[in-house]
Protein backbone atom coordinates (compact mmCIF):
# COMPACT_ATOMS: atom_id res chain seq x y z
CA MET A 1 -20.24 -36.35 -80.82
CA PRO A 2 -19.24 -33.19 -82.72
CA PHE A 3 -15.71 -32.84 -84.11
CA TYR A 4 -13.91 -29.54 -83.56
CA SER A 5 -11.14 -28.60 -85.92
CA SER A 6 -9.84 -25.50 -84.17
CA ASN A 7 -10.19 -23.36 -81.06
CA LYS A 8 -12.15 -20.85 -83.09
CA ASP A 9 -14.94 -23.38 -83.65
CA ARG A 10 -15.27 -23.85 -79.89
CA GLY A 11 -15.21 -20.17 -79.16
CA GLY A 12 -11.88 -20.57 -77.36
CA SER A 13 -9.70 -18.45 -79.59
CA LEU A 14 -9.36 -15.10 -77.85
CA GLY A 15 -5.98 -14.30 -79.33
CA GLY A 16 -4.65 -13.31 -75.89
CA LYS A 17 -6.90 -10.24 -75.77
CA MET A 18 -8.78 -11.29 -72.66
CA PHE A 19 -5.77 -11.13 -70.35
CA GLY A 20 -3.43 -8.95 -72.38
CA ASN A 21 0.09 -8.87 -71.01
CA PRO A 22 -0.24 -9.41 -67.24
CA GLY A 23 3.36 -8.40 -66.52
CA GLU A 24 3.49 -5.27 -68.64
CA LYS A 25 3.52 -2.91 -65.61
CA LEU A 26 6.31 -4.74 -63.79
CA THR A 27 9.63 -2.95 -63.62
CA LYS A 28 13.03 -4.60 -63.67
CA LYS A 29 14.68 -4.74 -60.24
CA ASN A 30 18.01 -2.94 -60.04
CA TRP A 31 20.17 -5.17 -57.81
CA ASN A 32 22.91 -3.11 -56.20
CA LEU A 33 25.47 -5.82 -55.42
CA ASP A 34 27.20 -3.59 -52.87
CA GLU A 35 24.06 -3.52 -50.69
CA LEU A 36 23.37 -7.28 -50.75
CA PRO A 37 24.65 -9.35 -47.82
CA LYS A 38 27.61 -11.60 -48.56
CA LEU A 39 26.53 -15.19 -49.18
CA GLU A 40 29.10 -17.82 -48.27
CA LYS A 41 28.51 -21.24 -49.78
CA ASN A 42 30.33 -23.51 -47.38
CA PHE A 43 27.89 -26.34 -46.75
CA TYR A 44 30.18 -29.38 -46.70
CA GLN A 45 31.25 -30.61 -43.30
CA GLU A 46 33.84 -33.34 -43.34
CA HIS A 47 32.87 -36.41 -41.34
CA PRO A 48 35.28 -37.17 -38.48
CA HIS A 49 36.05 -40.65 -39.90
CA ILE A 50 37.10 -39.11 -43.20
CA ALA A 51 39.13 -36.39 -41.50
CA ARG A 52 41.13 -39.07 -39.66
CA ARG A 53 42.08 -40.95 -42.84
CA PRO A 54 45.74 -40.52 -43.77
CA MET A 55 46.46 -38.27 -46.75
CA GLN A 56 48.30 -41.13 -48.49
CA GLU A 57 45.09 -43.20 -48.48
CA ILE A 58 43.12 -40.24 -49.84
CA GLU A 59 45.67 -39.72 -52.64
CA LEU A 60 45.52 -43.43 -53.57
CA HIS A 61 41.72 -43.25 -53.71
CA ARG A 62 41.79 -40.09 -55.84
CA GLY A 63 44.30 -41.67 -58.21
CA SER A 64 42.25 -44.84 -58.61
CA LYS A 65 39.16 -42.77 -59.48
CA GLU A 66 41.10 -40.25 -61.63
CA ILE A 67 40.10 -37.39 -59.32
CA SER A 68 42.24 -34.27 -59.51
CA VAL A 69 42.13 -31.62 -56.80
CA LYS A 70 43.52 -28.09 -57.03
CA GLY A 71 43.99 -25.69 -54.18
CA HIS A 72 45.26 -25.63 -50.63
CA ASN A 73 43.71 -27.19 -47.51
CA CYS A 74 41.17 -29.11 -49.62
CA LEU A 75 38.80 -31.43 -47.82
CA LYS A 76 39.20 -35.18 -48.16
CA ASN A 77 35.81 -35.77 -49.78
CA TRP A 78 35.26 -39.50 -50.06
CA ALA A 79 32.50 -40.79 -52.32
CA CYS A 80 33.07 -44.52 -51.82
CA LEU A 81 29.93 -46.28 -50.54
CA ALA A 82 31.93 -49.18 -49.09
CA CYS A 83 33.99 -46.70 -47.09
CA ARG A 84 30.83 -45.03 -45.78
CA ARG A 85 29.65 -48.39 -44.47
CA GLU A 86 33.02 -48.95 -42.80
CA GLY A 87 32.62 -45.65 -41.00
């Protein structure tokens, strides 16, 4: 079995000349942000069981997990697996 020490010995060293720069004729797209449609990222839908939980219970849970929430009308996201099983 022959031992090859480099690509050149195998005839595999083309130095990139065979394909050149395949993207050299591409032009950069000029994205006009005024023409793009508005994208609203509002994917979270609060489960009805969570929505019914009293705010005091939510605050106790957040405090026990050191979760801080800023803003107004924030959802009561609840990441407790035991609570998910309770429904």
